[in-house]
Amino acid sequence: MRRWVLTWIAPTSLALVIVSAGVAQQDPIKIGVIAPLSGPVAASGNYVRMGAEIARDWINARGGVHGRRVALLVEDNKSDPKEAAGAAEKLIARGQVPVLMGAWGSSMTLAAMPKLEEYGVPMVVETSSAASITKRGNPWVFRISPPSEMEALGLEKYLGALGIRQADFMAVNTDWGRGAVTAFGDMLRRHNAGIGAVEFMDQAATDMNAQLTKIRSAGGDTLFLTTSVEQITLVLKQAQELRVARRIITTGGSSSPSQLVKQAGAAAEDSYHIVFFMPWFPEAMPDPNLAKAFVDEWTRRGNPFEGLTEGFRGHDGIATIAEAIRIASRAEPQAIREALWKVSLMGLNGPIKFEKDGPAGRESGQSRPSIFLVQIKGGKAALPAFLRK
């Protein structure tokens, strides 16, 4: 039998709040999370997890979703595509999750995607940027991060101020890295900028001297660098040692300028970074109050400040999923997938709303994220001179 608890709001309110004890006893809504918690890009994956936990706690503090609390089931993909596919199957088949968020790297996300179709479970993609993720024709995929082409368009408006004549490229040899080289290269060619050396590196590589030596001889004025923050740190240090005199622009939003200042020191000075969240300037974000609240909560928990440029992704992904479940009124895969098309939400990055992308009849969802550019100046993240008011 259901019991009802009657609670006075205040002595003078003359109103009763009726709270069902049965609501609190309902099973939680399980959301599966696939992230690289170990391996070469573990720092980024753990920051995403931390952001997801903040979103979960905020949602639960507000009463959950339709009175049910949210629980995260997190699986480590170990920075490996095969592990990502296994993690997806484990969460769906054994964990019985009705929806997933993942899987950070493009190669990992692409490896997990067939499992979504096999089991009929949607996934919100919080980080991956390879174009093929939404172009492949998987109707269970909804991405809130920008594909490399969208990111390149975000930088395009600054080309005049940057004055790029010839660009070289250095990228991790994954779907993400190769896709970024293509997207930014195409954008630069449209503006008659030259393309010089194009060098790739393994995800776990620590010595990039051979690639940097070729780039030094290529004669360009700008180096576009696409990889995780751990490898960016090494490239910046090695470029300084080899006296590779180039403007450096990192892509993908995973550079973590604060971490580069801490770990690369002077080697990071004057470098530019495309980011999707600016924790240094929460007042400049689309929702300043939300941004400040997130930065404050992140700091209160003792999480590393440098992780905020990744951690926001976890928050926005879980917030998007929770909103879809609220719209659907039930935590069932098909209902959540249909509801994701109706989501209209203000996230830390900005508005989240999905448009169709991919083959007709099998479209994936793609949101249009906000894209920002910062520069490391005087040992801290700053707005480039041409963006300061």
Protein backbone atom coordinates (compact mmCIF):
# COMPACT_ATOMS: atom_id res chain seq x y z
CA MET A 1 0.00 0.00 0.00
CA ARG A 2 1.32 3.47 -0.88
CA ARG A 3 1.96 5.72 2.12
CA TRP A 4 1.56 9.52 1.91
CA VAL A 5 3.72 11.88 3.92
CA LEU A 6 2.19 15.28 4.72
CA THR A 7 4.58 18.15 5.34
CA TRP A 8 3.84 21.77 6.20
CA ILE A 9 5.75 24.22 4.00
CA ALA A 10 5.54 27.02 6.59
CA PRO A 11 3.20 27.82 9.48
CA THR A 12 1.58 30.70 7.60
CA SER A 13 1.38 29.09 4.15
CA LEU A 14 -1.94 27.26 4.76
CA ALA A 15 -0.74 24.75 2.14
CA LEU A 16 0.30 21.13 2.21
CA VAL A 17 2.94 19.40 0.12
CA ILE A 18 2.00 15.81 -0.58
CA VAL A 19 5.07 13.64 -1.12
CA SER A 20 4.76 10.05 -2.18
CA ALA A 21 7.11 7.80 -0.27
CA GLY A 22 6.83 5.41 -3.17
CA VAL A 23 8.61 7.83 -5.52
CA ALA A 24 11.82 7.77 -3.54
CA GLN A 25 11.71 3.98 -3.55
CA GLN A 26 11.61 3.64 -7.35
CA ASP A 27 14.60 2.14 -9.13
CA PRO A 28 17.04 4.76 -10.44
CA ILE A 29 17.29 5.67 -14.12
CA LYS A 30 20.54 4.14 -15.34
CA ILE A 31 22.67 6.04 -17.87
CA GLY A 32 25.67 4.25 -19.36
CA VAL A 33 28.90 6.20 -19.76
CA ILE A 34 31.82 5.03 -21.89
CA ALA A 35 35.06 6.96 -21.37
CA PRO A 36 38.84 6.44 -21.49
CA LEU A 37 39.61 6.20 -17.78
CA SER A 38 42.98 4.55 -18.43
CA GLY A 39 45.43 4.56 -21.31
CA PRO A 40 47.02 7.47 -23.23
CA VAL A 41 44.02 9.85 -22.99
CA ALA A 42 42.87 8.89 -19.50
CA ALA A 43 43.09 12.43 -18.11
CA SER A 44 40.50 13.69 -20.59
CA GLY A 45 38.19 10.75 -20.00
CA ASN A 46 38.25 11.20 -16.24
CA TYR A 47 37.49 14.90 -16.59
CA VAL A 48 34.42 14.00 -18.67
CA ARG A 49 33.39 11.57 -15.93
CA MET A 50 33.76 14.31 -13.28
CA GLY A 51 31.53 16.64 -15.29
CA ALA A 52 28.95 13.90 -15.73
CA GLU A 53 28.89 13.33 -11.97
CA ILE A 54 28.17 17.01 -11.34
CA ALA A 55 25.25 16.89 -13.78
CA ARG A 56 23.93 13.72 -12.10
CA ASP A 57 24.14 15.28 -8.64
CA TRP A 58 22.47 18.52 -9.74
CA ILE A 59 19.64 16.59 -11.41
CA ASN A 60 19.12 14.42 -8.33
CA ALA A 61 19.20 17.44 -6.02
CA ARG A 62 16.31 18.87 -8.05
CA GLY A 63 14.28 15.71 -7.53
CA GLY A 64 15.64 13.57 -10.34
CA VAL A 65 13.67 12.93 -13.52
CA HIS A 66 9.95 12.41 -12.88
CA GLY A 67 10.81 11.67 -9.27
CA ARG A 68 13.46 9.03 -10.08
CA ARG A 69 17.10 9.65 -9.31
CA VAL A 70 19.74 9.26 -12.01
CA ALA A 71 22.56 6.71 -11.66
CA LEU A 72 25.66 6.55 -13.87
CA LEU A 73 27.12 3.20 -14.91
CA VAL A 74 30.65 4.01 -16.10
CA GLU A 75 32.81 1.72 -18.21
CA ASP A 76 36.48 2.28 -19.10
CA ASN A 77 37.22 1.92 -22.81
CA LYS A 78 40.96 2.04 -21.98
CA SER A 79 41.56 4.45 -24.91
CA ASP A 80 41.02 1.49 -27.25
CA PRO A 81 38.31 1.03 -29.92
CA LYS A 82 37.86 -2.70 -29.25
CA GLU A 83 37.36 -2.00 -25.57
CA ALA A 84 34.82 0.69 -26.45
CA ALA A 85 32.70 -1.80 -28.40
CA GLY A 86 32.90 -4.27 -25.52
CA ALA A 87 31.97 -1.57 -23.01
CA ALA A 88 28.89 -0.62 -25.03
CA GLU A 89 27.71 -4.23 -25.20
CA LYS A 90 28.34 -4.77 -21.48
CA LEU A 91 26.37 -1.67 -20.48
CA ILE A 92 23.45 -2.51 -22.77
CA ALA A 93 23.23 -6.30 -22.41
CA ARG A 94 24.25 -6.68 -18.77
CA GLY A 95 23.73 -3.22 -17.33
CA GLN A 96 20.35 -2.85 -19.06
CA VAL A 97 20.92 0.86 -19.65
CA PRO A 98 18.37 2.53 -21.97
CA VAL A 99 20.81 5.21 -23.17
CA LEU A 100 24.55 5.84 -23.36
CA MET A 101 27.00 8.74 -23.42
CA GLY A 102 30.41 8.27 -25.03
CA ALA A 103 32.98 7.46 -26.08
CA TRP A 104 35.41 10.46 -26.15
CA GLY A 105 37.66 9.56 -29.13
CA SER A 106 36.22 9.24 -32.63
CA SER A 107 37.73 5.80 -33.25
CA MET A 108 36.25 4.59 -29.95
CA THR A 109 32.83 6.06 -30.74
CA LEU A 110 32.81 4.57 -34.24
CA ALA A 111 33.69 1.15 -32.80
CA ALA A 112 30.79 1.33 -30.33
CA MET A 113 28.20 2.52 -32.85
CA PRO A 114 27.30 -0.89 -34.37
CA LYS A 115 26.23 -2.03 -30.89
CA LEU A 116 23.72 0.82 -30.77
CA GLU A 117 22.00 -0.47 -33.90
CA GLU A 118 22.26 -4.10 -32.84
CA TYR A 119 20.47 -3.48 -29.54
CA GLY A 120 18.45 -0.38 -30.46
CA VAL A 121 19.87 1.97 -27.83
CA PRO A 122 20.66 5.68 -28.38
CA MET A 123 23.96 7.36 -27.51
CA VAL A 124 24.79 11.03 -26.96
CA VAL A 125 28.29 11.72 -28.30
CA GLU A 126 29.92 14.32 -26.08
CA THR A 127 33.42 14.73 -27.59
CA SER A 128 34.14 12.92 -30.88
CA SER A 129 34.53 15.05 -34.02
CA ALA A 130 35.02 12.70 -37.00
CA ALA A 131 32.50 13.56 -39.73
CA SER A 132 31.70 9.89 -40.31
CA ILE A 133 30.02 9.60 -36.90
CA THR A 134 26.90 11.40 -38.14
CA LYS A 135 27.41 10.74 -41.86
CA ARG A 136 27.47 6.95 -41.57
CA GLY A 137 23.70 6.56 -41.23
CA ASN A 138 23.21 5.45 -37.64
CA PRO A 139 19.86 6.77 -36.35
CA TRP A 140 20.78 6.01 -32.72
CA VAL A 141 23.58 8.63 -32.61
CA PHE A 142 23.12 12.20 -31.31
CA ARG A 143 26.23 14.39 -31.17
CA ILE A 144 26.62 17.59 -29.14
CA SER A 145 30.30 18.14 -30.02
CA PRO A 146 31.22 19.78 -33.34
CA PRO A 147 32.56 17.74 -36.27
CA SER A 148 35.90 19.00 -37.54
CA GLU A 149 34.22 20.73 -40.49
CA MET A 150 32.04 22.79 -38.14
CA GLU A 151 35.07 23.59 -35.99
CA ALA A 152 37.03 24.77 -39.04
CA LEU A 153 34.14 27.07 -39.97
CA GLY A 154 34.30 28.50 -36.46
CA LEU A 155 37.94 29.47 -37.00
CA GLU A 156 37.36 30.75 -40.53
CA LYS A 157 36.16 34.17 -39.39
CA TYR A 158 39.51 34.81 -37.69
CA LEU A 159 41.72 33.99 -40.68
CA GLY A 160 42.17 37.63 -41.65
CA ALA A 161 43.39 38.54 -38.17
CA LEU A 162 45.66 35.49 -37.99
CA GLY A 163 47.17 36.13 -41.43
CA ILE A 164 47.90 32.49 -42.26
CA ARG A 165 49.85 32.15 -45.53
CA GLN A 166 50.98 28.51 -45.31
CA ALA A 167 49.97 25.93 -42.73
CA ASP A 168 51.57 22.67 -41.68
CA PHE A 169 49.66 19.89 -39.91
CA MET A 170 50.55 17.48 -37.14
CA ALA A 171 47.86 15.11 -35.93
CA VAL A 172 47.25 11.90 -34.05
CA ASN A 173 46.78 9.03 -36.50
CA THR A 174 43.12 8.33 -35.68
CA ASP A 175 39.77 9.13 -37.30
CA TRP A 176 39.77 12.36 -35.29
CA GLY A 177 43.23 13.48 -36.36
CA ARG A 178 42.86 12.55 -40.02
CA GLY A 179 39.45 14.20 -40.17
CA ALA A 180 40.79 17.43 -38.67
CA VAL A 181 43.59 17.63 -41.24
CA THR A 182 41.06 17.26 -44.06
CA ALA A 183 38.56 19.75 -42.65
CA PHE A 184 41.01 22.51 -41.74
CA GLY A 185 43.02 21.93 -44.91
CA ASP A 186 39.92 22.33 -47.08
CA MET A 187 38.95 25.51 -45.23
CA LEU A 188 42.41 27.03 -45.70
CA ARG A 189 42.51 26.15 -49.40
CA ARG A 190 39.24 28.01 -49.91
CA HIS A 191 41.08 31.10 -48.71
CA ASN A 192 44.13 30.44 -50.90
CA ALA A 193 46.41 29.54 -47.99
CA GLY A 194 49.15 27.04 -48.79
CA ILE A 195 49.38 23.58 -47.23
CA GLY A 196 52.87 22.43 -46.32
CA ALA A 197 53.92 19.35 -44.35
CA VAL A 198 51.32 16.90 -43.02
CA GLU A 199 52.64 14.62 -40.29
CA PHE A 200 50.90 11.98 -38.18
CA MET A 201 51.83 10.34 -34.87
CA ASP A 202 50.61 7.32 -32.94
CA GLN A 203 48.30 8.02 -30.02
CA ALA A 204 50.83 6.69 -27.49
CA ALA A 205 53.94 8.22 -29.10
CA THR A 206 56.21 10.33 -26.90
CA ASP A 207 58.98 11.29 -29.36
CA MET A 208 57.81 13.55 -32.19
CA ASN A 209 61.20 14.95 -33.16
CA ALA A 210 61.18 13.35 -36.62
CA GLN A 211 57.83 14.91 -37.53
CA LEU A 212 58.81 18.30 -36.11
CA THR A 213 62.09 18.31 -38.03
CA LYS A 214 60.17 17.89 -41.30
CA ILE A 215 57.76 20.64 -40.31
CA ARG A 216 60.63 22.99 -39.46
CA SER A 217 61.90 22.61 -43.02
CA ALA A 218 58.49 23.09 -44.67
CA GLY A 219 58.50 26.88 -44.53
CA GLY A 220 55.03 27.44 -43.11
CA ASP A 221 54.00 30.14 -40.64
CA THR A 222 51.32 28.16 -38.74
CA LEU A 223 51.16 24.64 -37.33
CA PHE A 224 47.74 23.07 -36.76
CA LEU A 225 48.04 20.49 -34.00
CA THR A 226 45.38 17.87 -33.28
CA THR A 227 45.82 15.40 -30.44
CA SER A 228 45.14 14.98 -26.72
CA VAL A 229 46.50 17.41 -24.14
CA GLU A 230 49.12 14.93 -22.95
CA GLN A 231 50.67 14.71 -26.41
CA ILE A 232 50.23 18.43 -27.09
CA THR A 233 52.42 19.09 -24.05
CA LEU A 234 55.20 16.92 -25.47
CA VAL A 235 54.94 18.47 -28.94
CA LEU A 236 55.19 22.01 -27.56
CA LYS A 237 58.27 21.16 -25.50
CA GLN A 238 59.97 19.33 -28.36
CA ALA A 239 59.12 22.11 -30.83
CA GLN A 240 60.77 24.61 -28.51
CA GLU A 241 63.88 22.45 -28.22
CA LEU A 242 64.10 22.13 -32.02
CA ARG A 243 63.38 25.85 -32.46
CA VAL A 244 60.38 25.27 -34.65
CA ALA A 245 59.27 28.87 -35.11
CA ARG A 246 55.57 28.63 -35.87
CA ARG A 247 52.26 29.99 -34.69
CA ILE A 248 50.61 26.91 -33.16
CA ILE A 249 46.83 26.38 -33.19
CA THR A 250 45.37 23.33 -31.48
CA THR A 251 42.05 21.92 -32.66
CA GLY A 252 39.44 19.63 -31.15
CA GLY A 253 38.87 21.54 -27.92
CA SER A 254 41.00 19.09 -25.94
CA SER A 255 44.09 21.21 -25.41
CA SER A 256 43.33 22.40 -21.83
CA PRO A 257 45.35 25.64 -21.94
CA SER A 258 45.62 25.74 -18.13
CA GLN A 259 47.21 22.29 -18.14
CA LEU A 260 49.61 23.34 -20.89
CA VAL A 261 50.69 26.38 -18.88
CA LYS A 262 51.35 24.10 -15.90
CA GLN A 263 53.14 21.32 -17.77
CA ALA A 264 54.70 22.95 -20.85
CA GLY A 265 55.57 26.30 -19.30
CA ALA A 266 57.21 28.78 -21.66
CA ALA A 267 56.86 26.33 -24.56
CA ALA A 268 53.11 27.02 -24.55
CA GLU A 269 53.44 30.81 -24.68
CA ASP A 270 51.61 32.53 -27.57
CA SER A 271 49.93 29.32 -28.74
CA TYR A 272 46.26 29.48 -29.81
CA HIS A 273 43.59 26.97 -28.81
CA ILE A 274 40.12 26.23 -30.12
CA VAL A 275 37.94 25.45 -27.10
CA PHE A 276 34.23 24.87 -26.49
CA PHE A 277 34.10 26.10 -22.89
CA MET A 278 35.99 29.04 -21.37
CA PRO A 279 36.20 28.52 -17.58
CA TRP A 280 38.51 31.54 -17.28
CA PHE A 281 35.74 33.80 -18.56
CA PRO A 282 32.40 32.32 -17.41
CA GLU A 283 30.81 35.74 -17.91
CA ALA A 284 31.48 35.39 -21.65
CA MET A 285 29.67 32.05 -21.98
CA PRO A 286 26.11 31.82 -23.42
CA ASP A 287 24.68 31.26 -19.91
CA PRO A 288 27.07 33.06 -17.51
CA ASN A 289 25.21 31.96 -14.36
CA LEU A 290 25.30 28.29 -15.34
CA ALA A 291 28.96 28.54 -16.33
CA LYS A 292 29.95 30.17 -13.04
CA ALA A 293 27.95 27.64 -11.03
CA PHE A 294 29.71 24.77 -12.82
CA VAL A 295 33.18 26.26 -12.33
CA ASP A 296 32.41 26.90 -8.65
CA GLU A 297 31.10 23.36 -8.10
CA TRP A 298 34.04 21.83 -9.97
CA THR A 299 36.44 23.80 -7.78
CA ARG A 300 34.53 22.97 -4.59
CA ARG A 301 34.98 19.27 -5.32
CA GLY A 302 38.73 19.69 -5.65
CA ASN A 303 38.77 18.72 -9.32
CA PRO A 304 41.76 20.09 -11.29
CA PHE A 305 40.91 23.45 -12.86
CA GLU A 306 42.66 22.41 -16.06
CA GLY A 307 40.06 19.68 -16.54
CA LEU A 308 37.17 22.09 -17.01
CA THR A 309 37.60 22.36 -20.79
CA GLU A 310 36.84 18.63 -20.97
CA GLY A 311 34.63 18.25 -17.92
CA PHE A 312 31.88 20.48 -19.31
CA ARG A 313 31.28 17.84 -22.00
CA GLY A 314 30.20 15.31 -19.39
CA HIS A 315 27.80 17.78 -17.86
CA ASP A 316 26.19 18.73 -21.16
CA GLY A 317 25.90 15.11 -22.29
CA ILE A 318 24.13 13.93 -19.13
CA ALA A 319 21.94 17.05 -19.02
CA THR A 320 20.86 16.36 -22.61
CA ILE A 321 19.99 12.75 -21.82
CA ALA A 322 18.05 13.73 -18.69
CA GLU A 323 16.04 16.28 -20.65
CA ALA A 324 15.19 13.65 -23.29
CA ILE A 325 14.00 11.25 -20.59
CA ARG A 326 11.89 14.02 -19.07
CA ILE A 327 10.29 14.67 -22.47
CA ALA A 328 9.78 10.95 -23.10
CA SER A 329 8.24 10.41 -19.64
CA ARG A 330 9.82 6.96 -19.54
CA ALA A 331 13.33 5.50 -19.60
CA GLU A 332 12.98 3.29 -22.66
CA PRO A 333 15.47 3.34 -25.58
CA GLN A 334 13.02 4.02 -28.42
CA ALA A 335 11.17 6.69 -26.44
CA ILE A 336 14.45 8.39 -25.51
CA ARG A 337 15.62 8.36 -29.12
CA GLU A 338 12.40 10.03 -30.28
CA ALA A 339 12.59 12.56 -27.45
CA LEU A 340 16.17 13.54 -28.29
CA TRP A 341 14.84 15.14 -31.49
CA LYS A 342 12.69 17.39 -29.30
CA VAL A 343 15.40 18.51 -26.87
CA SER A 344 15.97 22.26 -26.67
CA LEU A 345 18.35 22.93 -23.80
CA MET A 346 20.89 25.54 -22.71
CA GLY A 347 24.10 23.74 -21.88
CA LEU A 348 27.46 25.04 -20.71
CA ASN A 349 28.62 25.30 -24.32
CA GLY A 350 25.39 26.95 -25.44
CA PRO A 351 22.05 25.86 -26.96
CA ILE A 352 21.64 22.13 -27.59
CA LYS A 353 19.17 21.18 -30.31
CA PHE A 354 19.56 18.40 -32.87
CA GLU A 355 19.39 18.69 -36.65
CA LYS A 356 19.32 15.76 -39.04
CA ASP A 357 22.64 14.73 -40.58
CA GLY A 358 23.42 11.73 -42.75
CA PRO A 359 21.58 9.54 -45.28
CA ALA A 360 17.86 10.22 -45.69
CA GLY A 361 15.78 7.98 -43.48
CA ARG A 362 18.75 7.02 -41.30
CA GLU A 363 19.86 10.41 -40.06
CA SER A 364 21.88 10.97 -36.91
CA GLY A 365 21.36 14.04 -34.74
CA GLN A 366 23.89 16.87 -34.78
CA SER A 367 23.78 19.93 -32.56
CA ARG A 368 25.54 23.22 -33.50
CA PRO A 369 27.97 23.99 -30.66
CA SER A 370 29.57 27.32 -29.81
CA ILE A 371 33.25 27.59 -30.75
CA PHE A 372 35.80 29.87 -29.05
CA LEU A 373 39.46 30.81 -29.52
CA VAL A 374 41.88 31.59 -26.69
CA GLN A 375 45.60 32.30 -26.55
CA ILE A 376 48.18 31.58 -23.88
CA LYS A 377 49.67 34.96 -23.04
CA GLY A 378 51.80 35.82 -20.05
CA GLY A 379 51.45 32.30 -18.70
CA LYS A 380 47.65 32.24 -18.64
CA ALA A 381 44.67 31.80 -20.95
CA ALA A 382 43.56 35.05 -22.55
CA LEU A 383 41.39 36.27 -25.37
CA PRO A 384 43.49 37.05 -28.46
CA ALA A 385 44.11 40.77 -28.97
CA PHE A 386 41.77 40.87 -31.97
CA LEU A 387 38.88 39.53 -29.85
CA ARG A 388 39.23 41.85 -26.88
CA LYS A 389 36.62 44.55 -26.56
